[in-house]
C-alpha atoms as a PDB file:
ATOM      1  CA  MET A   1     111.800  76.809 191.936  1.00  0.00           C
ATOM      2  CA  THR A   2     108.094  78.773 191.548  1.00  0.00           C
ATOM      3  CA  GLU A   3     107.253  79.042 188.080  1.00  0.00           C
ATOM      4  CA  LEU A   4     107.393  82.418 188.547  1.00  0.00           C
ATOM      5  CA  LEU A   5     111.485  82.628 189.709  1.00  0.00           C
ATOM      6  CA  LYS A   6     111.528  80.534 186.304  1.00  0.00           C
ATOM      7  CA  LYS A   7     109.862  83.124 184.080  1.00  0.00           C
ATOM      8  CA  ALA A   8     111.514  85.536 185.748  1.00  0.00           C
ATOM      9  CA  LEU A   9     114.481  83.731 184.949  1.00  0.00           C
ATOM     10  CA  LYS A  10     114.188  82.955 181.375  1.00  0.00           C
ATOM     11  CA  LEU A  11     112.962  87.077 180.902  1.00  0.00           C
ATOM     12  CA  ILE A  12     116.386  86.820 182.079  1.00  0.00           C
ATOM     13  CA  VAL A  13     118.568  84.962 180.123  1.00  0.00           C
ATOM     14  CA  SER A  14     116.519  85.947 176.926  1.00  0.00           C
ATOM     15  CA  VAL A  15     117.081  89.928 177.316  1.00  0.00           C
ATOM     16  CA  ALA A  16     121.308  88.836 178.826  1.00  0.00           C
ATOM     17  CA  ILE A  17     121.215  87.198 175.492  1.00  0.00           C
ATOM     18  CA  PRO A  18     121.175  90.177 172.572  1.00  0.00           C
ATOM     19  CA  LEU A  19     122.406  92.324 174.993  1.00  0.00           C
ATOM     20  CA  ALA A  20     125.328  90.062 174.764  1.00  0.00           C
ATOM     21  CA  ILE A  21     125.924  89.644 171.642  1.00  0.00           C
ATOM     22  CA  GLY A  22     125.576  93.629 171.155  1.00  0.00           C
ATOM     23  CA  ALA A  23     127.985  94.137 174.042  1.00  0.00           C
ATOM     24  CA  LEU A  24     130.710  91.627 171.850  1.00  0.00           C
ATOM     25  CA  GLY A  25     130.367  93.206 168.566  1.00  0.00           C
ATOM     26  CA  SER A  26     130.364  97.209 170.165  1.00  0.00           C
ATOM     27  CA  ILE A  27     134.133  95.380 171.155  1.00  0.00           C
ATOM     28  CA  PHE A  28     134.954  96.522 166.995  1.00  0.00           C
ATOM     29  CA  THR A  29     132.658  99.078 166.849  1.00  0.00           C
ATOM     30  CA  SER A  30     133.829 101.173 169.693  1.00  0.00           C
ATOM     31  CA  SER A  31     137.100 100.818 168.548  1.00  0.00           C
ATOM     32  CA  SER A  32     137.346 101.554 164.587  1.00  0.00           C
ATOM     33  CA  VAL A  33     135.289 104.601 164.954  1.00  0.00           C
ATOM     34  CA  ALA A  34     137.563 105.989 167.452  1.00  0.00           C
ATOM     35  CA  THR A  35     140.118 105.299 164.299  1.00  0.00           C
ATOM     36  CA  HIS A  36     140.591 107.432 160.691  1.00  0.00           C
ATOM     37  CA  TRP A  37     139.330 104.610 159.304  1.00  0.00           C
ATOM     38  CA  TYR A  38     136.181 105.467 159.920  1.00  0.00           C
ATOM     39  CA  PHE A  39     136.131 109.100 160.812  1.00  0.00           C
ATOM     40  CA  GLU A  40     137.304 109.366 157.283  1.00  0.00           C
ATOM     41  CA  LEU A  41     134.156 107.429 155.911  1.00  0.00           C
ATOM     42  CA  GLN A  42     132.576 109.093 153.365  1.00  0.00           C
ATOM     43  CA  LYS A  43     128.702 109.338 155.073  1.00  0.00           C
ATOM     44  CA  PRO A  44     125.688 110.208 153.250  1.00  0.00           C
ATOM     45  CA  ILE A  45     124.040 113.670 154.675  1.00  0.00           C
ATOM     46  CA  PHE A  46     120.882 111.216 156.079  1.00  0.00           C
ATOM     47  CA  ASN A  47     123.531 109.286 158.289  1.00  0.00           C
ATOM     48  CA  PRO A  48     122.638 109.700 162.344  1.00  0.00           C
ATOM     49  CA  PRO A  49     125.071 110.964 164.505  1.00  0.00           C
ATOM     50  CA  ASN A  50     127.655 108.454 166.307  1.00  0.00           C
ATOM     51  CA  TRP A  51     125.799 108.560 169.824  1.00  0.00           C
ATOM     52  CA  VAL A  52     121.776 107.100 168.258  1.00  0.00           C
ATOM     53  CA  PHE A  53     123.511 103.413 167.766  1.00  0.00           C
ATOM     54  CA  GLY A  54     124.441 103.292 170.869  1.00  0.00           C
ATOM     55  CA  PRO A  55     120.627 103.899 172.668  1.00  0.00           C
ATOM     56  CA  ALA A  56     119.087 102.340 169.560  1.00  0.00           C
ATOM     57  CA  TRP A  57     121.196  99.259 169.469  1.00  0.00           C
ATOM     58  CA  THR A  58     119.886  98.650 173.619  1.00  0.00           C
ATOM     59  CA  LEU A  59     116.681  99.062 172.729  1.00  0.00           C
ATOM     60  CA  LEU A  60     116.593  97.085 169.915  1.00  0.00           C
ATOM     61  CA  TYR A  61     118.808  93.996 171.796  1.00  0.00           C
ATOM     62  CA  ILE A  62     116.143  94.801 174.506  1.00  0.00           C
ATOM     63  CA  LEU A  63     113.020  93.678 171.898  1.00  0.00           C
ATOM     64  CA  ILE A  64     115.010  90.969 169.892  1.00  0.00           C
ATOM     65  CA  GLY A  65     115.380  89.665 173.848  1.00  0.00           C
ATOM     66  CA  ILE A  66     111.827  89.867 174.882  1.00  0.00           C
ATOM     67  CA  SER A  67     111.118  88.468 171.635  1.00  0.00           C
ATOM     68  CA  LEU A  68     113.335  85.695 172.488  1.00  0.00           C
ATOM     69  CA  PHE A  69     111.697  85.161 176.161  1.00  0.00           C
ATOM     70  CA  LEU A  70     107.666  85.528 174.561  1.00  0.00           C
ATOM     71  CA  VAL A  71     108.418  82.282 172.673  1.00  0.00           C
ATOM     72  CA  TRP A  72     111.110  80.136 174.818  1.00  0.00           C
ATOM     73  CA  LYS A  73     108.120  80.205 177.520  1.00  0.00           C
ATOM     74  CA  ALA A  74     105.288  79.263 174.531  1.00  0.00           C
ATOM     75  CA  LYS A  75     103.969  76.183 175.556  1.00  0.00           C
ATOM     76  CA  LEU A  76     104.293  74.860 172.178  1.00  0.00           C
ATOM     77  CA  CYS A  77     106.777  71.541 172.105  1.00  0.00           C
ATOM     78  CA  ASN A  78     107.532  72.347 167.820  1.00  0.00           C
ATOM     79  CA  LYS A  79     109.910  75.511 169.152  1.00  0.00           C
ATOM     80  CA  LYS A  80     113.435  74.600 168.019  1.00  0.00           C
ATOM     81  CA  SER A  81     113.359  76.020 163.918  1.00  0.00           C
ATOM     82  CA  ALA A  82     112.707  79.109 165.432  1.00  0.00           C
ATOM     83  CA  LEU A  83     115.488  79.097 167.864  1.00  0.00           C
ATOM     84  CA  ILE A  84     117.478  77.659 165.414  1.00  0.00           C
ATOM     85  CA  ILE A  85     116.831  81.346 162.852  1.00  0.00           C
ATOM     86  CA  PHE A  86     117.109  83.166 165.663  1.00  0.00           C
ATOM     87  CA  SER A  87     120.363  82.173 166.630  1.00  0.00           C
ATOM     88  CA  VAL A  88     121.591  82.083 163.013  1.00  0.00           C
ATOM     89  CA  GLN A  89     119.903  85.349 162.585  1.00  0.00           C
ATOM     90  CA  LEU A  90     121.868  87.337 165.990  1.00  0.00           C
ATOM     91  CA  LEU A  91     125.156  86.144 164.948  1.00  0.00           C
ATOM     92  CA  LEU A  92     124.670  87.382 161.595  1.00  0.00           C
ATOM     93  CA  ASN A  93     124.041  90.118 163.295  1.00  0.00           C
ATOM     94  CA  LEU A  94     126.877  90.493 165.067  1.00  0.00           C
ATOM     95  CA  PHE A  95     129.460  89.706 162.503  1.00  0.00           C
ATOM     96  CA  TRP A  96     127.925  92.564 160.146  1.00  0.00           C
ATOM     97  CA  SER A  97     130.028  94.630 163.491  1.00  0.00           C
ATOM     98  CA  ILE A  98     132.715  92.999 162.515  1.00  0.00           C
ATOM     99  CA  ILE A  99     133.061  92.822 159.051  1.00  0.00           C
ATOM    100  CA  PHE A 100     132.058  96.124 158.639  1.00  0.00           C
ATOM    101  CA  PHE A 101     134.094  97.425 161.620  1.00  0.00           C
ATOM    102  CA  GLY A 102     136.761  95.001 162.311  1.00  0.00           C
ATOM    103  CA  LEU A 103     137.733  94.279 158.783  1.00  0.00           C
ATOM    104  CA  HIS A 104     137.181  97.234 157.545  1.00  0.00           C
ATOM    105  CA  ALA A 105     134.938  96.006 154.312  1.00  0.00           C
ATOM    106  CA  PRO A 106     132.210  97.700 153.529  1.00  0.00           C
ATOM    107  CA  PHE A 107     130.835  95.799 150.167  1.00  0.00           C
ATOM    108  CA  TYR A 108     131.094  92.289 152.126  1.00  0.00           C
ATOM    109  CA  ALA A 109     129.184  94.193 155.105  1.00  0.00           C
ATOM    110  CA  LEU A 110     126.485  94.767 152.392  1.00  0.00           C
ATOM    111  CA  LEU A 111     126.520  91.909 151.353  1.00  0.00           C
ATOM    112  CA  GLU A 112     126.263  90.038 154.694  1.00  0.00           C
ATOM    113  CA  ILE A 113     123.739  92.280 155.993  1.00  0.00           C
ATOM    114  CA  VAL A 114     121.294  91.266 153.036  1.00  0.00           C
ATOM    115  CA  ILE A 115     121.819  87.807 154.485  1.00  0.00           C
ATOM    116  CA  LEU A 116     120.684  89.085 158.092  1.00  0.00           C
ATOM    117  CA  TRP A 117     117.454  90.853 156.849  1.00  0.00           C
ATOM    118  CA  ILE A 118     116.989  88.119 154.961  1.00  0.00           C
ATOM    119  CA  PHE A 119     117.234  85.776 158.363  1.00  0.00           C
ATOM    120  CA  ILE A 120     115.591  89.189 160.620  1.00  0.00           C
ATOM    121  CA  VAL A 121     112.148  87.851 158.023  1.00  0.00           C
ATOM    122  CA  LEU A 122     112.661  84.575 158.779  1.00  0.00           C
ATOM    123  CA  ASN A 123     112.545  84.983 161.902  1.00  0.00           C
ATOM    124  CA  ILE A 124     109.679  87.074 162.927  1.00  0.00           C
ATOM    125  CA  ILE A 125     107.530  84.882 160.405  1.00  0.00           C
ATOM    126  CA  TYR A 126     108.692  81.341 162.733  1.00  0.00           C
ATOM    127  CA  PHE A 127     108.053  83.773 165.758  1.00  0.00           C
ATOM    128  CA  SER A 128     104.434  84.209 164.700  1.00  0.00           C
ATOM    129  CA  LYS A 129     103.863  81.055 164.197  1.00  0.00           C
ATOM    130  CA  ILE A 130     104.370  81.174 168.391  1.00  0.00           C
ATOM    131  CA  SER A 131     103.226  84.726 169.205  1.00  0.00           C
ATOM    132  CA  LYS A 132     102.505  87.496 167.634  1.00  0.00           C
ATOM    133  CA  ALA A 133     103.804  89.448 170.057  1.00  0.00           C
ATOM    134  CA  ALA A 134     107.188  87.846 169.739  1.00  0.00           C
ATOM    135  CA  ALA A 135     107.037  88.102 165.996  1.00  0.00           C
ATOM    136  CA  TYR A 136     106.346  92.844 166.289  1.00  0.00           C
ATOM    137  CA  LEU A 137     108.916  93.116 168.610  1.00  0.00           C
ATOM    138  CA  LEU A 138     110.971  92.389 166.261  1.00  0.00           C
ATOM    139  CA  ILE A 139     109.265  94.669 163.936  1.00  0.00           C
ATOM    140  CA  PRO A 140     111.595  97.774 164.644  1.00  0.00           C
ATOM    141  CA  TYR A 141     114.699  95.730 164.874  1.00  0.00           C
ATOM    142  CA  VAL A 142     114.444  94.729 160.586  1.00  0.00           C
ATOM    143  CA  LEU A 143     113.424  98.354 159.838  1.00  0.00           C
ATOM    144  CA  TRP A 144     116.378  99.562 161.820  1.00  0.00           C
ATOM    145  CA  VAL A 145     118.099  97.352 159.799  1.00  0.00           C
ATOM    146  CA  SER A 146     116.137  98.573 156.911  1.00  0.00           C
ATOM    147  CA  PHE A 147     117.680 101.374 157.392  1.00  0.00           C
ATOM    148  CA  ALA A 148     121.415  99.911 158.222  1.00  0.00           C
ATOM    149  CA  GLY A 149     121.354  98.636 154.436  1.00  0.00           C
ATOM    150  CA  VAL A 150     120.523 101.519 152.910  1.00  0.00           C
ATOM    151  CA  LEU A 151     123.270 103.731 155.201  1.00  0.00           C
ATOM    152  CA  ASN A 152     125.768 100.733 155.139  1.00  0.00           C
ATOM    153  CA  PHE A 153     125.556 100.644 150.702  1.00  0.00           C
ATOM    154  CA  TYR A 154     126.223 104.408 150.274  1.00  0.00           C
ATOM    155  CA  ILE A 155     129.107 103.585 152.489  1.00  0.00           C
ATOM    156  CA  TYR A 156     130.844 101.451 149.999  1.00  0.00           C
ATOM    157  CA  TYR A 157     128.843 103.695 147.105  1.00  0.00           C
ATOM    158  CA  LEU A 158     131.109 106.884 148.930  1.00  0.00           C
ATOM    159  CA  ASN A 159     133.405 104.824 149.692  1.00  0.00           C
ATOM    160  CA  ARG A 160     134.959 102.954 146.197  1.00  0.00           C
END
C-alpha cells in the first residue's frame, strides 16, 4: 500500500469515527425532537432553530475527524494519552445526547456537558503537543459545546 493511500485511508477513518458517533447520537436526538417532550420544553429566546443543529454538528464532526487525522499521522510515538482523551470526549459527546434527548434529563445532561467541556479542553491541550493545527481545529467544537452548555442550563432552569 502506498504512503498516499495509507494517509487517505487514515483520513477517511478519522472523519468517519466522529461522524458515526454523531449519527448514533442523532438517533436519540431525532426521535426525541419529534415528540411532545422536546417541543413543549421552554427554551431561551437565543435557542437556534432546529435545522441549524444538523449542519453545525456535521461540520464540527468533520473538523474533529481532521484533527484526529493530524494527530494519528504524526510521527510521534507518544500519542496514546492524547488518543485516550480524544476517545473519552467523543464518548461523552454521545452520552450527552443519550442523557438529554434519550432520558429527557436536562439536569444530568448539564452535569455531563461540563465534564464533556473539560475533556474537550484537555483534548485541545494534548493535541497541541502533537499538532497545533489539530488543536486549532477543535476550537469551534469547544465554542459550540460552550454555547450548548448555556442552552442546556437555560432549558433546565426554565423547565424545573
